[in-house]
PDB file of N, CA and C in Angstrom:
ATOM      1  N   MET A   1       2.936  10.460   9.743  1.00  0.00           N
ATOM      2  CA  MET A   1       2.223   9.226   9.764  1.00  0.00           C
ATOM      3  C   MET A   1       1.343   9.096  10.966  1.00  0.00           C
ATOM      4  N   ARG A   2       1.851   9.466  12.127  1.00  0.00           N
ATOM      5  CA  ARG A   2       1.052   9.332  13.371  1.00  0.00           C
ATOM      6  C   ARG A   2      -0.130  10.326  13.315  1.00  0.00           C
ATOM      7  N   GLY A   3       0.102  11.533  12.779  1.00  0.00           N
ATOM      8  CA  GLY A   3      -0.979  12.538  12.686  1.00  0.00           C
ATOM      9  C   GLY A   3      -2.108  12.002  11.785  1.00  0.00           C
ATOM     10  N   ALA A   4      -1.730  11.394  10.678  1.00  0.00           N
ATOM     11  CA  ALA A   4      -2.763  10.823   9.763  1.00  0.00           C
ATOM     12  C   ALA A   4      -3.574   9.726  10.434  1.00  0.00           C
ATOM     13  N   PHE A   5      -2.852   8.939  11.230  1.00  0.00           N
ATOM     14  CA  PHE A   5      -3.487   7.838  11.931  1.00  0.00           C
ATOM     15  C   PHE A   5      -4.507   8.378  12.960  1.00  0.00           C
ATOM     16  N   ILE A   6      -4.126   9.403  13.656  1.00  0.00           N
ATOM     17  CA  ILE A   6      -5.021   9.975  14.671  1.00  0.00           C
ATOM     18  C   ILE A   6      -6.196  10.609  13.987  1.00  0.00           C
ATOM     19  N   LEU A   7      -5.923  11.271  12.842  1.00  0.00           N
ATOM     20  CA  LEU A   7      -7.006  11.932  12.096  1.00  0.00           C
ATOM     21  C   LEU A   7      -8.029  10.888  11.636  1.00  0.00           C
ATOM     22  N   CYS A   8      -7.527   9.753  11.089  1.00  0.00           N
ATOM     23  CA  CYS A   8      -8.431   8.692  10.621  1.00  0.00           C
ATOM     24  C   CYS A   8      -9.267   8.157  11.732  1.00  0.00           C
ATOM     25  N   LEU A   9      -8.649   7.917  12.860  1.00  0.00           N
ATOM     26  CA  LEU A   9      -9.419   7.388  13.985  1.00  0.00           C
ATOM     27  C   LEU A   9     -10.443   8.377  14.469  1.00  0.00           C
ATOM     28  N   ALA A  10     -10.067   9.657  14.596  1.00  0.00           N
ATOM     29  CA  ALA A  10     -10.999  10.646  15.057  1.00  0.00           C
ATOM     30  C   ALA A  10     -12.190  10.759  14.133  1.00  0.00           C
ATOM     31  N   MET A  11     -11.922  10.696  12.810  1.00  0.00           N
ATOM     32  CA  MET A  11     -13.037  10.718  11.866  1.00  0.00           C
ATOM     33  C   MET A  11     -13.904   9.509  12.021  1.00  0.00           C
ATOM     34  N   LEU A  12     -13.288   8.338  12.234  1.00  0.00           N
ATOM     35  CA  LEU A  12     -14.080   7.114  12.434  1.00  0.00           C
ATOM     36  C   LEU A  12     -14.974   7.245  13.641  1.00  0.00           C
ATOM     37  N   ILE A  13     -14.449   7.726  14.722  1.00  0.00           N
ATOM     38  CA  ILE A  13     -15.232   7.882  15.946  1.00  0.00           C
ATOM     39  C   ILE A  13     -16.391   8.872  15.715  1.00  0.00           C
ATOM     40  N   LEU A  14     -16.085   9.998  15.025  1.00  0.00           N
ATOM     41  CA  LEU A  14     -17.139  10.942  14.765  1.00  0.00           C
ATOM     42  C   LEU A  14     -18.217  10.343  13.926  1.00  0.00           C
ATOM     43  N   LEU A  15     -17.895   9.591  12.890  1.00  0.00           N
ATOM     44  CA  LEU A  15     -18.867   9.016  12.010  1.00  0.00           C
ATOM     45  C   LEU A  15     -19.705   7.949  12.699  1.00  0.00           C
ATOM     46  N   LEU A  16     -19.121   7.228  13.631  1.00  0.00           N
ATOM     47  CA  LEU A  16     -19.847   6.143  14.300  1.00  0.00           C
ATOM     48  C   LEU A  16     -20.624   6.641  15.515  1.00  0.00           C
ATOM     49  N   ALA A  17     -20.124   7.649  16.217  1.00  0.00           N
ATOM     50  CA  ALA A  17     -20.742   8.015  17.449  1.00  0.00           C
ATOM     51  C   ALA A  17     -21.606   9.252  17.408  1.00  0.00           C
ATOM     52  N   VAL A  18     -21.477  10.023  16.383  1.00  0.00           N
ATOM     53  CA  VAL A  18     -22.182  11.309  16.321  1.00  0.00           C
ATOM     54  C   VAL A  18     -23.189  11.286  15.181  1.00  0.00           C
ATOM     55  N   PRO A  19     -24.429  11.612  15.446  1.00  0.00           N
ATOM     56  CA  PRO A  19     -25.417  11.606  14.357  1.00  0.00           C
ATOM     57  C   PRO A  19     -25.030  12.632  13.309  1.00  0.00           C
ATOM     58  N   PRO A  20     -25.486  12.421  12.081  1.00  0.00           N
ATOM     59  CA  PRO A  20     -25.122  13.288  10.998  1.00  0.00           C
ATOM     60  C   PRO A  20     -25.600  14.724  11.280  1.00  0.00           C
ATOM     61  N   CYS A  21     -24.820  15.657  10.840  1.00  0.00           N
ATOM     62  CA  CYS A  21     -25.097  17.084  11.090  1.00  0.00           C
ATOM     63  C   CYS A  21     -25.922  17.584   9.901  1.00  0.00           C
ATOM     64  N   ARG A  22     -26.908  18.397  10.214  1.00  0.00           N
ATOM     65  CA  ARG A  22     -27.739  18.897   9.171  1.00  0.00           C
ATOM     66  C   ARG A  22     -27.645  20.440   9.198  1.00  0.00           C
ATOM     67  N   GLY A  23     -27.644  21.018   8.014  1.00  0.00           N
ATOM     68  CA  GLY A  23     -27.627  22.464   7.950  1.00  0.00           C
ATOM     69  C   GLY A  23     -26.337  23.114   8.139  1.00  0.00           C
ATOM     70  N   CYS A  24     -25.232  22.339   7.884  1.00  0.00           N
ATOM     71  CA  CYS A  24     -23.879  22.921   8.028  1.00  0.00           C
ATOM     72  C   CYS A  24     -23.380  23.333   6.688  1.00  0.00           C
ATOM     73  N   SER A  25     -22.718  24.508   6.714  1.00  0.00           N
ATOM     74  CA  SER A  25     -22.186  24.936   5.432  1.00  0.00           C
ATOM     75  C   SER A  25     -20.878  24.185   5.161  1.00  0.00           C
ATOM     76  N   PRO A  26     -20.572  23.907   3.864  1.00  0.00           N
ATOM     77  CA  PRO A  26     -19.315  23.237   3.528  1.00  0.00           C
ATOM     78  C   PRO A  26     -18.148  24.098   3.907  1.00  0.00           C
ATOM     79  N   SER A  27     -17.074  23.423   4.381  1.00  0.00           N
ATOM     80  CA  SER A  27     -15.953  24.171   4.895  1.00  0.00           C
ATOM     81  C   SER A  27     -14.674  23.811   4.132  1.00  0.00           C
ATOM     82  N   GLY A  28     -14.768  23.416   2.894  1.00  0.00           N
ATOM     83  CA  GLY A  28     -13.618  23.010   2.057  1.00  0.00           C
ATOM     84  C   GLY A  28     -12.222  23.193   2.569  1.00  0.00           C
ATOM     85  N   ASN A  29     -11.249  22.842   1.787  1.00  0.00           N
ATOM     86  CA  ASN A  29      -9.847  22.955   2.097  1.00  0.00           C
ATOM     87  C   ASN A  29      -9.448  22.321   3.450  1.00  0.00           C
ATOM     88  N   GLY A  30      -9.854  21.108   3.671  1.00  0.00           N
ATOM     89  CA  GLY A  30      -9.397  20.393   4.874  1.00  0.00           C
ATOM     90  C   GLY A  30     -10.116  20.838   6.160  1.00  0.00           C
ATOM     91  N   GLY A  31     -11.329  21.334   6.059  1.00  0.00           N
ATOM     92  CA  GLY A  31     -12.017  21.854   7.232  1.00  0.00           C
ATOM     93  C   GLY A  31     -12.109  20.807   8.328  1.00  0.00           C
ATOM     94  N   CYS A  32     -12.400  19.580   7.971  1.00  0.00           N
ATOM     95  CA  CYS A  32     -12.524  18.490   8.951  1.00  0.00           C
ATOM     96  C   CYS A  32     -11.174  18.256   9.615  1.00  0.00           C
ATOM     97  N   ARG A  33     -10.179  18.053   8.818  1.00  0.00           N
ATOM     98  CA  ARG A  33      -8.843  17.793   9.352  1.00  0.00           C
ATOM     99  C   ARG A  33      -8.381  18.932  10.223  1.00  0.00           C
ATOM    100  N   ASN A  34      -8.578  20.126   9.783  1.00  0.00           N
ATOM    101  CA  ASN A  34      -8.134  21.336  10.552  1.00  0.00           C
ATOM    102  C   ASN A  34      -8.892  21.425  11.901  1.00  0.00           C
ATOM    103  N   CYS A  35     -10.152  21.105  11.848  1.00  0.00           N
ATOM    104  CA  CYS A  35     -10.973  21.169  13.047  1.00  0.00           C
ATOM    105  C   CYS A  35     -10.507  20.100  14.047  1.00  0.00           C
ATOM    106  N   ILE A  36     -10.210  18.902  13.607  1.00  0.00           N
ATOM    107  CA  ILE A  36      -9.775  17.855  14.526  1.00  0.00           C
ATOM    108  C   ILE A  36      -8.393  18.176  15.090  1.00  0.00           C
ATOM    109  N   VAL A  37      -7.500  18.650  14.217  1.00  0.00           N
ATOM    110  CA  VAL A  37      -6.143  18.989  14.690  1.00  0.00           C
ATOM    111  C   VAL A  37      -6.224  20.115  15.719  1.00  0.00           C
ATOM    112  N   ARG A  38      -7.060  21.112  15.459  1.00  0.00           N
ATOM    113  CA  ARG A  38      -7.247  22.216  16.372  1.00  0.00           C
ATOM    114  C   ARG A  38      -7.801  21.760  17.745  1.00  0.00           C
ATOM    115  N   GLN A  39      -8.784  20.858  17.685  1.00  0.00           N
ATOM    116  CA  GLN A  39      -9.366  20.316  18.918  1.00  0.00           C
ATOM    117  C   GLN A  39      -8.368  19.545  19.716  1.00  0.00           C
ATOM    118  N   MET A  40      -7.610  18.715  18.989  1.00  0.00           N
ATOM    119  CA  MET A  40      -6.622  17.901  19.719  1.00  0.00           C
ATOM    120  C   MET A  40      -5.492  18.746  20.321  1.00  0.00           C
ATOM    121  N   LYS A  41      -5.177  19.836  19.708  1.00  0.00           N
ATOM    122  CA  LYS A  41      -4.101  20.712  20.256  1.00  0.00           C
ATOM    123  C   LYS A  41      -4.581  21.604  21.333  1.00  0.00           C
ATOM    124  N   SER A  42      -5.774  22.192  21.197  1.00  0.00           N
ATOM    125  CA  SER A  42      -6.201  23.239  22.158  1.00  0.00           C
ATOM    126  C   SER A  42      -7.463  22.835  22.916  1.00  0.00           C
ATOM    127  N   GLY A  43      -8.421  22.228  22.240  1.00  0.00           N
ATOM    128  CA  GLY A  43      -9.745  21.936  22.865  1.00  0.00           C
ATOM    129  C   GLY A  43      -9.674  20.744  23.856  1.00  0.00           C
ATOM    130  N   CYS A  44      -9.005  19.700  23.410  1.00  0.00           N
ATOM    131  CA  CYS A  44      -9.004  18.489  24.239  1.00  0.00           C
ATOM    132  C   CYS A  44      -7.640  17.773  24.135  1.00  0.00           C
ATOM    133  N   PRO A  45      -6.554  18.378  24.503  1.00  0.00           N
ATOM    134  CA  PRO A  45      -5.233  17.783  24.381  1.00  0.00           C
ATOM    135  C   PRO A  45      -5.075  16.517  25.271  1.00  0.00           C
ATOM    136  N   ARG A  46      -5.816  16.432  26.387  1.00  0.00           N
ATOM    137  CA  ARG A  46      -5.686  15.294  27.245  1.00  0.00           C
ATOM    138  C   ARG A  46      -6.277  14.035  26.604  1.00  0.00           C
ATOM    139  N   CYS A  47      -6.976  14.187  25.486  1.00  0.00           N
ATOM    140  CA  CYS A  47      -7.592  13.032  24.793  1.00  0.00           C
ATOM    141  C   CYS A  47      -6.620  12.331  23.870  1.00  0.00           C
ATOM    142  N   VAL A  48      -5.513  12.952  23.536  1.00  0.00           N
ATOM    143  CA  VAL A  48      -4.575  12.420  22.542  1.00  0.00           C
ATOM    144  C   VAL A  48      -4.146  10.985  22.904  1.00  0.00           C
ATOM    145  N   PRO A  49      -3.734  10.684  24.175  1.00  0.00           N
ATOM    146  CA  PRO A  49      -3.352   9.302  24.440  1.00  0.00           C
ATOM    147  C   PRO A  49      -4.487   8.307  24.292  1.00  0.00           C
ATOM    148  N   ILE A  50      -5.695   8.702  24.622  1.00  0.00           N
ATOM    149  CA  ILE A  50      -6.856   7.826  24.497  1.00  0.00           C
ATOM    150  C   ILE A  50      -7.143   7.518  23.016  1.00  0.00           C
ATOM    151  N   ILE A  51      -7.095   8.570  22.211  1.00  0.00           N
ATOM    152  CA  ILE A  51      -7.353   8.405  20.776  1.00  0.00           C
ATOM    153  C   ILE A  51      -6.237   7.573  20.143  1.00  0.00           C
ATOM    154  N   GLN A  52      -5.015   7.779  20.558  1.00  0.00           N
ATOM    155  CA  GLN A  52      -3.879   6.987  20.028  1.00  0.00           C
ATOM    156  C   GLN A  52      -4.099   5.519  20.412  1.00  0.00           C
ATOM    157  N   CYS A  53      -4.440   5.265  21.683  1.00  0.00           N
ATOM    158  CA  CYS A  53      -4.675   3.896  22.125  1.00  0.00           C
ATOM    159  C   CYS A  53      -5.789   3.215  21.312  1.00  0.00           C
ATOM    160  N   MET A  54      -6.897   3.930  21.110  1.00  0.00           N
ATOM    161  CA  MET A  54      -7.997   3.388  20.342  1.00  0.00           C
ATOM    162  C   MET A  54      -7.525   3.101  18.896  1.00  0.00           C
ATOM    163  N   GLY A  55      -6.768   3.998  18.330  1.00  0.00           N
ATOM    164  CA  GLY A  55      -6.254   3.763  16.967  1.00  0.00           C
ATOM    165  C   GLY A  55      -5.406   2.521  16.833  1.00  0.00           C
ATOM    166  N   ARG A  56      -4.426   2.413  17.762  1.00  0.00           N
ATOM    167  CA  ARG A  56      -3.596   1.217  17.725  1.00  0.00           C
ATOM    168  C   ARG A  56      -4.388  -0.040  17.924  1.00  0.00           C
ATOM    169  N   CYS A  57      -5.320  -0.011  18.851  1.00  0.00           N
ATOM    170  CA  CYS A  57      -6.113  -1.165  19.167  1.00  0.00           C
ATOM    171  C   CYS A  57      -6.968  -1.562  17.955  1.00  0.00           C
ATOM    172  N   LEU A  58      -7.734  -0.600  17.413  1.00  0.00           N
ATOM    173  CA  LEU A  58      -8.637  -0.909  16.299  1.00  0.00           C
ATOM    174  C   LEU A  58      -7.868  -1.365  15.080  1.00  0.00           C
ATOM    175  N   TRP A  59      -6.785  -0.682  14.732  1.00  0.00           N
ATOM    176  CA  TRP A  59      -5.990  -1.075  13.606  1.00  0.00           C
ATOM    177  C   TRP A  59      -5.271  -2.383  13.835  1.00  0.00           C
ATOM    178  N   GLY A  60      -5.128  -2.805  15.063  1.00  0.00           N
ATOM    179  CA  GLY A  60      -4.529  -4.070  15.378  1.00  0.00           C
ATOM    180  C   GLY A  60      -5.516  -5.258  15.238  1.00  0.00           C
ATOM    181  N   GLY A  61      -6.760  -4.921  14.912  1.00  0.00           N
ATOM    182  CA  GLY A  61      -7.766  -5.963  14.679  1.00  0.00           C
ATOM    183  C   GLY A  61      -8.654  -6.315  15.799  1.00  0.00           C
ATOM    184  N   ALA A  62      -8.547  -5.657  16.948  1.00  0.00           N
ATOM    185  CA  ALA A  62      -9.399  -5.945  18.083  1.00  0.00           C
ATOM    186  C   ALA A  62     -10.794  -5.348  17.832  1.00  0.00           C
ATOM    187  N   SER A  63     -11.772  -5.873  18.559  1.00  0.00           N
ATOM    188  CA  SER A  63     -13.130  -5.391  18.410  1.00  0.00           C
ATOM    189  C   SER A  63     -13.244  -4.037  19.104  1.00  0.00           C
ATOM    190  N   ARG A  64     -14.262  -3.324  18.661  1.00  0.00           N
ATOM    191  CA  ARG A  64     -14.481  -1.971  19.228  1.00  0.00           C
ATOM    192  C   ARG A  64     -14.721  -2.023  20.733  1.00  0.00           C
ATOM    193  N   SER A  65     -15.505  -2.964  21.150  1.00  0.00           N
ATOM    194  CA  SER A  65     -15.802  -3.095  22.609  1.00  0.00           C
ATOM    195  C   SER A  65     -14.553  -3.432  23.447  1.00  0.00           C
ATOM    196  N   ASN A  66     -13.686  -4.327  22.896  1.00  0.00           N
ATOM    197  CA  ASN A  66     -12.431  -4.644  23.597  1.00  0.00           C
ATOM    198  C   ASN A  66     -11.498  -3.384  23.675  1.00  0.00           C
ATOM    199  N   CYS A  67     -11.488  -2.602  22.574  1.00  0.00           N
ATOM    200  CA  CYS A  67     -10.643  -1.443  22.575  1.00  0.00           C
ATOM    201  C   CYS A  67     -11.173  -0.389  23.573  1.00  0.00           C
ATOM    202  N   VAL A  68     -12.489  -0.268  23.665  1.00  0.00           N
ATOM    203  CA  VAL A  68     -13.047   0.694  24.634  1.00  0.00           C
ATOM    204  C   VAL A  68     -12.665   0.268  26.036  1.00  0.00           C
ATOM    205  N   LYS A  69     -12.722  -1.032  26.313  1.00  0.00           N
ATOM    206  CA  LYS A  69     -12.367  -1.507  27.642  1.00  0.00           C
ATOM    207  C   LYS A  69     -10.899  -1.265  27.939  1.00  0.00           C
ATOM    208  N   LYS A  70     -10.081  -1.464  26.940  1.00  0.00           N
ATOM    209  CA  LYS A  70      -8.623  -1.277  27.098  1.00  0.00           C
ATOM    210  C   LYS A  70      -8.227   0.146  27.264  1.00  0.00           C
ATOM    211  N   CYS A  71      -8.811   1.042  26.477  1.00  0.00           N
ATOM    212  CA  CYS A  71      -8.322   2.446  26.368  1.00  0.00           C
ATOM    213  C   CYS A  71      -9.080   3.433  27.257  1.00  0.00           C
ATOM    214  N   ASP A  72     -10.320   3.119  27.652  1.00  0.00           N
ATOM    215  CA  ASP A  72     -11.120   4.074  28.412  1.00  0.00           C
ATOM    216  C   ASP A  72     -10.697   4.044  29.876  1.00  0.00           C
ATOM    217  N   CYS A  73     -10.006   5.060  30.307  1.00  0.00           N
ATOM    218  CA  CYS A  73      -9.520   5.163  31.650  1.00  0.00           C
ATOM    219  C   CYS A  73     -10.581   5.577  32.659  1.00  0.00           C
ATOM    220  N   GLY A  74     -11.701   5.980  32.132  1.00  0.00           N
ATOM    221  CA  GLY A  74     -12.799   6.508  33.002  1.00  0.00           C
ATOM    222  C   GLY A  74     -13.376   5.482  33.963  1.00  0.00           C
ATOM    223  N   GLY A  75     -13.261   4.167  33.614  1.00  0.00           N
ATOM    224  CA  GLY A  75     -13.829   3.158  34.462  1.00  0.00           C
ATOM    225  C   GLY A  75     -13.195   3.168  35.831  1.00  0.00           C
ATOM    226  N   GLY A  76     -11.906   3.538  35.944  1.00  0.00           N
ATOM    227  CA  GLY A  76     -11.182   3.550  37.199  1.00  0.00           C
ATOM    228  C   GLY A  76     -11.226   4.930  37.838  1.00  0.00           C
ATOM    229  N   GLY A  77     -12.068   5.827  37.349  1.00  0.00           N
ATOM    230  CA  GLY A  77     -12.133   7.153  37.935  1.00  0.00           C
ATOM    231  C   GLY A  77     -11.205   8.132  37.229  1.00  0.00           C
ATOM    232  N   GLY A  78     -10.500   7.722  36.231  1.00  0.00           N
ATOM    233  CA  GLY A  78      -9.596   8.617  35.506  1.00  0.00           C
ATOM    234  C   GLY A  78     -10.298   9.643  34.656  1.00  0.00           C
ATOM    235  N   TYR A  79      -9.595  10.639  34.285  1.00  0.00           N
ATOM    236  CA  TYR A  79     -10.186  11.659  33.415  1.00  0.00           C
ATOM    237  C   TYR A  79      -9.170  12.056  32.399  1.00  0.00           C
ATOM    238  N   PRO A  80      -9.546  12.276  31.168  1.00  0.00           N
ATOM    239  CA  PRO A  80     -10.902  12.201  30.621  1.00  0.00           C
ATOM    240  C   PRO A  80     -11.274  10.761  30.231  1.00  0.00           C
ATOM    241  N   ARG A  81     -12.601  10.575  30.139  1.00  0.00           N
ATOM    242  CA  ARG A  81     -13.091   9.277  29.638  1.00  0.00           C
ATOM    243  C   ARG A  81     -13.230   9.378  28.128  1.00  0.00           C
ATOM    244  N   LEU A  82     -13.387   8.256  27.513  1.00  0.00           N
ATOM    245  CA  LEU A  82     -13.560   8.182  26.044  1.00  0.00           C
ATOM    246  C   LEU A  82     -14.816   9.007  25.670  1.00  0.00           C
ATOM    247  N   ALA A  83     -15.865   8.923  26.475  1.00  0.00           N
ATOM    248  CA  ALA A  83     -17.037   9.734  26.174  1.00  0.00           C
ATOM    249  C   ALA A  83     -16.766  11.227  26.191  1.00  0.00           C
ATOM    250  N   ASP A  84     -15.905  11.673  27.070  1.00  0.00           N
ATOM    251  CA  ASP A  84     -15.517  13.080  27.121  1.00  0.00           C
ATOM    252  C   ASP A  84     -14.823  13.470  25.841  1.00  0.00           C
ATOM    253  N   CYS A  85     -13.947  12.571  25.323  1.00  0.00           N
ATOM    254  CA  CYS A  85     -13.182  12.866  24.139  1.00  0.00           C
ATOM    255  C   CYS A  85     -14.093  12.917  22.918  1.00  0.00           C
ATOM    256  N   LYS A  86     -15.062  11.983  22.896  1.00  0.00           N
ATOM    257  CA  LYS A  86     -16.033  12.018  21.794  1.00  0.00           C
ATOM    258  C   LYS A  86     -16.802  13.311  21.815  1.00  0.00           C
ATOM    259  N   LYS A  87     -17.199  13.768  22.991  1.00  0.00           N
ATOM    260  CA  LYS A  87     -17.953  14.973  23.094  1.00  0.00           C
ATOM    261  C   LYS A  87     -17.110  16.161  22.638  1.00  0.00           C
ATOM    262  N   CYS A  88     -15.832  16.191  23.023  1.00  0.00           N
ATOM    263  CA  CYS A  88     -14.945  17.265  22.602  1.00  0.00           C
ATOM    264  C   CYS A  88     -14.790  17.301  21.130  1.00  0.00           C
ATOM    265  N   LEU A  89     -14.548  16.149  20.506  1.00  0.00           N
ATOM    266  CA  LEU A  89     -14.304  16.067  19.042  1.00  0.00           C
ATOM    267  C   LEU A  89     -15.631  16.210  18.271  1.00  0.00           C
ATOM    268  N   SER A  90     -16.785  16.041  18.911  1.00  0.00           N
ATOM    269  CA  SER A  90     -18.028  16.171  18.205  1.00  0.00           C
ATOM    270  C   SER A  90     -18.283  17.611  17.702  1.00  0.00           C
ATOM    271  N   GLN A  91     -17.487  18.528  18.213  1.00  0.00           N
ATOM    272  CA  GLN A  91     -17.614  19.927  17.786  1.00  0.00           C
ATOM    273  C   GLN A  91     -17.211  20.035  16.343  1.00  0.00           C
ATOM    274  N   CYS A  92     -16.520  19.020  15.808  1.00  0.00           N
ATOM    275  CA  CYS A  92     -16.062  19.008  14.409  1.00  0.00           C
ATOM    276  C   CYS A  92     -17.031  18.299  13.477  1.00  0.00           C
ATOM    277  N   LYS A  93     -18.169  17.852  14.006  1.00  0.00           N
ATOM    278  CA  LYS A  93     -19.056  17.014  13.194  1.00  0.00           C
ATOM    279  C   LYS A  93     -19.560  17.737  11.951  1.00  0.00           C
ATOM    280  N   CYS A  94     -19.835  19.037  12.039  1.00  0.00           N
ATOM    281  CA  CYS A  94     -20.306  19.752  10.861  1.00  0.00           C
ATOM    282  C   CYS A  94     -19.197  19.854   9.811  1.00  0.00           C
ATOM    283  N   SER A  95     -18.003  20.150  10.222  1.00  0.00           N
ATOM    284  CA  SER A  95     -16.888  20.248   9.292  1.00  0.00           C
ATOM    285  C   SER A  95     -16.624  18.940   8.595  1.00  0.00           C
ATOM    286  N   CYS A  96     -16.757  17.858   9.384  1.00  0.00           N
ATOM    287  CA  CYS A  96     -16.403  16.538   8.838  1.00  0.00           C
ATOM    288  C   CYS A  96     -17.522  15.959   7.974  1.00  0.00           C
ATOM    289  N   SER A  97     -18.804  16.227   8.343  1.00  0.00           N
ATOM    290  CA  SER A  97     -19.898  15.673   7.566  1.00  0.00           C
ATOM    291  C   SER A  97     -20.034  16.437   6.265  1.00  0.00           C
ATOM    292  N   ALA A  98     -19.629  17.719   6.248  1.00  0.00           N
ATOM    293  CA  ALA A  98     -19.727  18.515   5.022  1.00  0.00           C
ATOM    294  C   ALA A  98     -18.677  18.084   4.036  1.00  0.00           C
ATOM    295  N   SER A  99     -17.499  17.587   4.530  1.00  0.00           N
ATOM    296  CA  SER A  99     -16.420  17.216   3.636  1.00  0.00           C
ATOM    297  C   SER A  99     -16.475  15.724   3.236  1.00  0.00           C
ATOM    298  N   ALA A 100     -17.360  14.989   3.883  1.00  0.00           N
ATOM    299  CA  ALA A 100     -17.462  13.538   3.646  1.00  0.00           C
ATOM    300  C   ALA A 100     -18.229  13.262   2.344  1.00  0.00           C
TER     301      ALA A 100
END
């Protein structure tokens, strides 16, 4: 259940924050999900708590701007910032736009 929640949130962030990808080949069989899971495990594991926080906050009904303020640790000099996590997960944009 938690994994599906994180996956949904990551896809939402990708769709909202990353421009559509052009010229990507389709990657069927869960290419988007596999890409996000792989990035969260090996590419950007430090982003998991931030993504979880954003998911809980957004699904709780708060506005996107309030959730960013609550979950983005970068304002206090912490690392990674939400922007870093978006950048890390943006590597999956082709896989996700092809399966959408």
